[in-house]
Amino acid sequence: MRHESYDTPVVQLVQGALLVAPMTLLMKMRRKIRPLLFRVLHPLMLYWNRQPRRTQIGDLAFHTDSAVFHPGQHFSSKLLAACVANLNLNGCRVLDMGTGSGVIGVTAALQGAQVVAVDINPEAARLAASNALDHSVSASMRVMCSDLFAALANTPEFDWIIFNPPFFPRAAEQASEIAFNAGNDYEVIQRFLQQAKKLLAPSGKILLILSSDMDLARVQSMIERCQLQIVCNEIKSHLFEIFHLVQLQWTVTSSQ
């Protein structure tokens, strides 16, 4: 699996666990500045997104919509898509959780995967289906509207479950905040981890992208409580944010 070179990590992989390193002054400044920048720039982004546009993610172009998370304006989408493009997914069953405009699902389908893509936002589901059609992968990418796994009760197990989760630990007060706010104490991520295990194949993996904006120690605790182990942690710095591409599997002792 190919990956870009990564900058100095905030956390490192040691015996299947993330060890959160002491924060440097620069890291503390990043963590304080980032939310302030987001609050200033987010209204400007919403204004810019009023008109449907196309955005480039790697070699692929995607339609966007003002009612859907914009992948071109958030580096997490680009980084996660690049990682997925480097995975060997031919013949795999892949769940694209929180598909948004369908970037991850389309990328996986183009790798030969059979994809189920879901989003709680019906506008996102429609947009993802449209982008799948544009890239000629509709036959291998099924798009559904679902609150996490609610509509997937009778779905076979997945080899990969991929999620770009909301990063901020506060409640979403309106629909446009669902893609950014994970609920108090990361309730959305807790529910995702608890439910994902039920649809993860015994040798399957969960791929998450996490951020230095998050309480990583808290997220690690959730992972461990769900009897999942971190088998890979790739780290990349971008401007005021540090991202973690984290792969999870069943723990050796968990009953399957």
Protein backbone atom coordinates (compact mmCIF):
# COMPACT_ATOMS: atom_id res chain seq x y z
CA MET A 1 0.00 0.00 0.00
CA ARG A 2 1.46 3.34 -1.06
CA HIS A 3 1.27 6.47 1.06
CA GLU A 4 2.73 9.94 0.95
CA SER A 5 5.55 10.76 3.35
CA TYR A 6 4.27 12.09 6.65
CA ASP A 7 5.40 14.86 8.94
CA THR A 8 6.41 14.48 12.60
CA PRO A 9 3.58 12.60 14.37
CA VAL A 10 1.56 13.71 17.36
CA VAL A 11 0.89 10.10 18.16
CA GLN A 12 2.66 6.91 17.23
CA LEU A 13 1.72 3.27 16.83
CA VAL A 14 3.05 1.11 19.65
CA GLN A 15 1.80 -2.45 20.21
CA GLY A 16 -1.58 -1.75 18.64
CA ALA A 17 -2.35 1.39 20.64
CA LEU A 18 -2.11 5.12 20.11
CA LEU A 19 0.13 6.86 22.63
CA VAL A 20 -0.79 10.52 22.81
CA ALA A 21 2.41 12.55 23.00
CA PRO A 22 2.76 15.73 25.08
CA MET A 23 1.59 18.71 23.04
CA THR A 24 4.25 21.17 21.91
CA LEU A 25 3.59 24.91 21.98
CA LEU A 26 3.02 24.88 18.20
CA MET A 27 0.51 22.05 18.53
CA LYS A 28 -1.35 23.90 21.30
CA MET A 29 -1.50 27.01 19.14
CA ARG A 30 -2.79 24.93 16.21
CA ARG A 31 -5.52 23.41 18.35
CA LYS A 32 -6.72 26.84 19.55
CA ILE A 33 -6.48 28.58 16.17
CA ARG A 34 -8.19 25.91 14.07
CA PRO A 35 -11.70 26.20 15.63
CA LEU A 36 -11.50 29.99 15.42
CA LEU A 37 -10.55 29.83 11.75
CA PHE A 38 -13.36 27.37 11.10
CA ARG A 39 -15.95 29.66 12.70
CA VAL A 40 -14.75 32.60 10.60
CA LEU A 41 -14.37 30.75 7.30
CA HIS A 42 -17.36 28.39 7.49
CA PRO A 43 -19.98 31.09 6.70
CA LEU A 44 -17.85 32.20 3.75
CA MET A 45 -17.69 28.62 2.50
CA LEU A 46 -21.46 28.28 2.79
CA TYR A 47 -21.88 31.49 0.80
CA TRP A 48 -19.48 30.25 -1.90
CA ASN A 49 -21.27 26.90 -2.06
CA ARG A 50 -24.68 28.39 -2.82
CA GLN A 51 -24.28 27.45 -6.49
CA PRO A 52 -23.67 23.82 -7.54
CA ARG A 53 -20.08 23.41 -8.72
CA ARG A 54 -17.57 20.70 -9.59
CA THR A 55 -14.52 20.03 -7.47
CA GLN A 56 -11.40 18.04 -8.23
CA ILE A 57 -10.34 15.25 -5.84
CA GLY A 58 -7.17 13.67 -7.17
CA ASP A 59 -7.84 12.72 -10.79
CA LEU A 60 -11.62 12.73 -10.37
CA ALA A 61 -14.17 15.54 -10.65
CA PHE A 62 -17.31 15.58 -8.49
CA HIS A 63 -20.48 17.63 -8.46
CA THR A 64 -21.11 19.48 -5.20
CA ASP A 65 -24.20 20.93 -3.58
CA SER A 66 -24.70 23.61 -0.94
CA ALA A 67 -26.67 21.16 1.24
CA VAL A 68 -23.85 18.58 1.30
CA PHE A 69 -20.39 18.50 2.93
CA HIS A 70 -17.96 19.95 0.35
CA PRO A 71 -15.00 17.55 -0.16
CA GLY A 72 -12.85 20.10 -1.96
CA GLN A 73 -12.84 22.53 0.95
CA HIS A 74 -11.75 20.04 3.61
CA PHE A 75 -8.38 18.33 3.39
CA SER A 76 -9.65 15.26 5.24
CA SER A 77 -11.68 14.18 2.18
CA LYS A 78 -8.72 14.53 -0.17
CA LEU A 79 -6.38 12.66 2.16
CA LEU A 80 -8.84 9.83 2.81
CA ALA A 81 -9.59 9.48 -0.92
CA ALA A 82 -5.86 9.25 -1.69
CA CYS A 83 -5.49 6.50 0.92
CA VAL A 84 -8.48 4.55 -0.44
CA ALA A 85 -7.10 4.84 -3.99
CA ASN A 86 -3.97 3.03 -2.79
CA LEU A 87 -5.80 0.11 -1.16
CA ASN A 88 -6.25 -3.24 -2.89
CA LEU A 89 -10.06 -3.32 -2.92
CA ASN A 90 -10.71 -5.51 -5.96
CA GLY A 91 -13.54 -7.88 -5.06
CA CYS A 92 -13.96 -6.41 -1.55
CA ARG A 93 -17.23 -5.34 0.03
CA VAL A 94 -16.85 -1.72 1.16
CA LEU A 95 -19.14 0.46 3.27
CA ASP A 96 -18.71 4.20 2.72
CA MET A 97 -20.20 5.67 5.88
CA GLY A 98 -21.27 9.32 5.65
CA THR A 99 -20.66 9.32 1.91
CA GLY A 100 -21.44 13.01 1.32
CA SER A 101 -20.84 13.65 -2.38
CA GLY A 102 -19.71 10.03 -2.83
CA VAL A 103 -15.97 10.64 -3.18
CA ILE A 104 -14.88 7.62 -1.13
CA GLY A 105 -17.51 5.28 -2.54
CA VAL A 106 -16.70 6.19 -6.15
CA THR A 107 -12.95 5.86 -5.50
CA ALA A 108 -13.46 2.40 -3.97
CA ALA A 109 -15.78 1.27 -6.78
CA LEU A 110 -13.20 2.32 -9.36
CA GLN A 111 -10.76 0.02 -7.49
CA GLY A 112 -13.06 -2.93 -8.16
CA ALA A 113 -14.99 -2.93 -4.87
CA GLN A 114 -18.69 -3.60 -4.35
CA VAL A 115 -19.75 -0.50 -2.42
CA VAL A 116 -22.65 0.45 -0.18
CA ALA A 117 -22.63 4.21 0.46
CA VAL A 118 -24.87 5.75 3.13
CA ASP A 119 -25.57 9.20 4.52
CA ILE A 120 -28.12 10.58 6.95
CA ASN A 121 -28.64 13.55 4.60
CA PRO A 122 -31.04 12.65 1.74
CA GLU A 123 -29.50 15.40 -0.41
CA ALA A 124 -26.09 13.76 0.05
CA ALA A 125 -27.49 10.37 -0.98
CA ARG A 126 -28.94 11.88 -4.16
CA LEU A 127 -25.68 13.69 -4.95
CA ALA A 128 -23.56 10.58 -4.32
CA ALA A 129 -25.79 8.54 -6.64
CA SER A 130 -25.42 11.23 -9.32
CA ASN A 131 -21.63 11.24 -8.99
CA ALA A 132 -21.57 7.44 -9.15
CA LEU A 133 -23.51 7.63 -12.41
CA ASP A 134 -21.09 10.24 -13.77
CA HIS A 135 -18.16 7.91 -13.09
CA SER A 136 -19.96 4.85 -14.50
CA VAL A 137 -19.91 2.91 -11.20
CA SER A 138 -23.64 2.87 -10.40
CA ALA A 139 -23.76 -0.89 -10.91
CA SER A 140 -21.19 -1.46 -8.17
CA MET A 141 -22.16 1.38 -5.80
CA ARG A 142 -25.48 1.19 -3.98
CA VAL A 143 -26.43 4.48 -2.28
CA MET A 144 -28.82 4.64 0.68
CA CYS A 145 -30.11 7.21 3.16
CA SER A 146 -29.37 5.95 6.68
CA ASP A 147 -28.52 7.21 10.16
CA LEU A 148 -25.25 5.29 10.52
CA PHE A 149 -26.19 1.56 10.28
CA ALA A 150 -29.95 1.91 10.81
CA ALA A 151 -30.88 0.84 7.26
CA LEU A 152 -28.26 -1.91 7.03
CA ALA A 153 -29.71 -4.58 9.32
CA ASN A 154 -29.83 -7.31 6.66
CA THR A 155 -26.61 -6.39 4.87
CA PRO A 156 -23.77 -8.96 4.55
CA GLU A 157 -20.51 -8.22 6.37
CA PHE A 158 -18.00 -5.76 4.92
CA ASP A 159 -14.29 -6.17 4.29
CA TRP A 160 -13.77 -2.42 4.78
CA ILE A 161 -15.88 0.16 6.62
CA ILE A 162 -14.61 3.66 5.85
CA PHE A 163 -15.68 6.81 7.71
CA ASN A 164 -14.67 10.46 7.71
CA PRO A 165 -16.45 11.29 10.98
CA PRO A 166 -17.44 14.69 12.36
CA PHE A 167 -14.57 16.09 14.44
CA PHE A 168 -16.16 18.47 16.97
CA PRO A 169 -17.62 17.26 20.33
CA ARG A 170 -20.77 19.35 20.35
CA ALA A 171 -24.37 18.89 19.32
CA ALA A 172 -25.49 19.59 15.77
CA GLU A 173 -28.17 22.25 16.11
CA GLN A 174 -29.07 22.29 12.42
CA ALA A 175 -28.74 19.93 9.47
CA SER A 176 -25.70 21.73 8.03
CA GLU A 177 -23.73 20.96 11.24
CA ILE A 178 -24.21 17.17 11.21
CA ALA A 179 -21.09 16.62 9.07
CA PHE A 180 -18.98 18.64 11.53
CA ASN A 181 -20.41 18.05 15.02
CA ALA A 182 -20.23 14.57 16.55
CA GLY A 183 -22.53 15.28 19.49
CA ASN A 184 -21.53 15.79 23.09
CA ASP A 185 -18.69 13.41 24.04
CA TYR A 186 -18.42 12.22 20.40
CA GLU A 187 -21.71 10.36 20.61
CA VAL A 188 -21.81 9.75 16.84
CA ILE A 189 -18.36 8.13 16.86
CA GLN A 190 -19.28 6.02 19.90
CA ARG A 191 -22.40 4.71 18.13
CA PHE A 192 -20.44 4.10 14.95
CA LEU A 193 -17.79 1.99 16.68
CA GLN A 194 -20.35 0.00 18.66
CA GLN A 195 -22.45 -0.78 15.59
CA ALA A 196 -19.63 -1.21 13.04
CA LYS A 197 -18.40 -4.42 14.68
CA LYS A 198 -21.69 -6.14 13.87
CA LEU A 199 -21.14 -5.68 10.14
CA LEU A 200 -17.35 -6.06 10.00
CA ALA A 201 -16.05 -9.32 8.56
CA PRO A 202 -13.75 -11.29 10.94
CA SER A 203 -10.68 -10.25 8.93
CA GLY A 204 -12.15 -6.89 7.90
CA LYS A 205 -10.85 -3.42 8.72
CA ILE A 206 -12.30 -0.06 9.69
CA LEU A 207 -10.57 2.98 8.20
CA LEU A 208 -11.08 6.30 10.00
CA ILE A 209 -9.55 9.70 9.50
CA LEU A 210 -9.11 11.59 12.78
CA SER A 211 -7.86 15.08 13.54
CA SER A 212 -5.72 16.93 16.06
CA ASP A 213 -8.85 19.00 16.70
CA MET A 214 -10.25 15.96 18.50
CA ASP A 215 -9.61 14.52 21.94
CA LEU A 216 -7.60 11.58 20.57
CA ALA A 217 -7.17 9.96 23.98
CA ARG A 218 -10.96 9.90 24.36
CA VAL A 219 -11.40 8.37 20.90
CA GLN A 220 -8.74 5.75 21.69
CA SER A 221 -10.64 4.82 24.84
CA MET A 222 -13.81 4.30 22.77
CA ILE A 223 -11.90 2.09 20.33
CA GLU A 224 -10.54 -0.10 23.12
CA ARG A 225 -13.93 -0.41 24.83
CA CYS A 226 -15.38 -1.73 21.58
CA GLN A 227 -12.70 -4.47 21.52
CA LEU A 228 -11.05 -3.06 18.41
CA GLN A 229 -7.32 -2.63 17.97
CA ILE A 230 -5.32 -0.08 15.98
CA VAL A 231 -3.23 -1.90 13.39
CA CYS A 232 -2.04 1.11 11.39
CA ASN A 233 -1.79 4.84 12.11
CA GLU A 234 -0.59 7.11 9.29
CA ILE A 235 -0.07 10.76 10.18
CA LYS A 236 0.03 13.90 8.05
CA SER A 237 0.28 17.58 8.95
CA HIS A 238 -1.61 20.18 6.94
CA LEU A 239 -1.49 23.88 7.87
CA PHE A 240 -3.07 24.11 11.35
CA GLU A 241 -4.26 20.51 11.52
CA ILE A 242 -2.73 17.05 11.90
CA PHE A 243 -4.61 14.08 10.46
CA HIS A 244 -4.50 10.40 11.42
CA LEU A 245 -5.47 7.64 8.99
CA VAL A 246 -6.29 4.88 11.47
CA GLN A 247 -7.02 1.27 10.56
CA LEU A 248 -8.89 -0.86 13.12
CA GLN A 249 -9.47 -4.62 13.40
CA TRP A 250 -11.03 -6.99 15.88
CA THR A 251 -8.89 -7.61 18.92
CA VAL A 252 -7.46 -11.13 19.11
CA THR A 253 -9.52 -11.91 22.20
CA SER A 254 -12.87 -10.56 20.98
CA SER A 255 -15.55 -13.18 20.31
CA GLN A 256 -16.67 -13.12 16.69
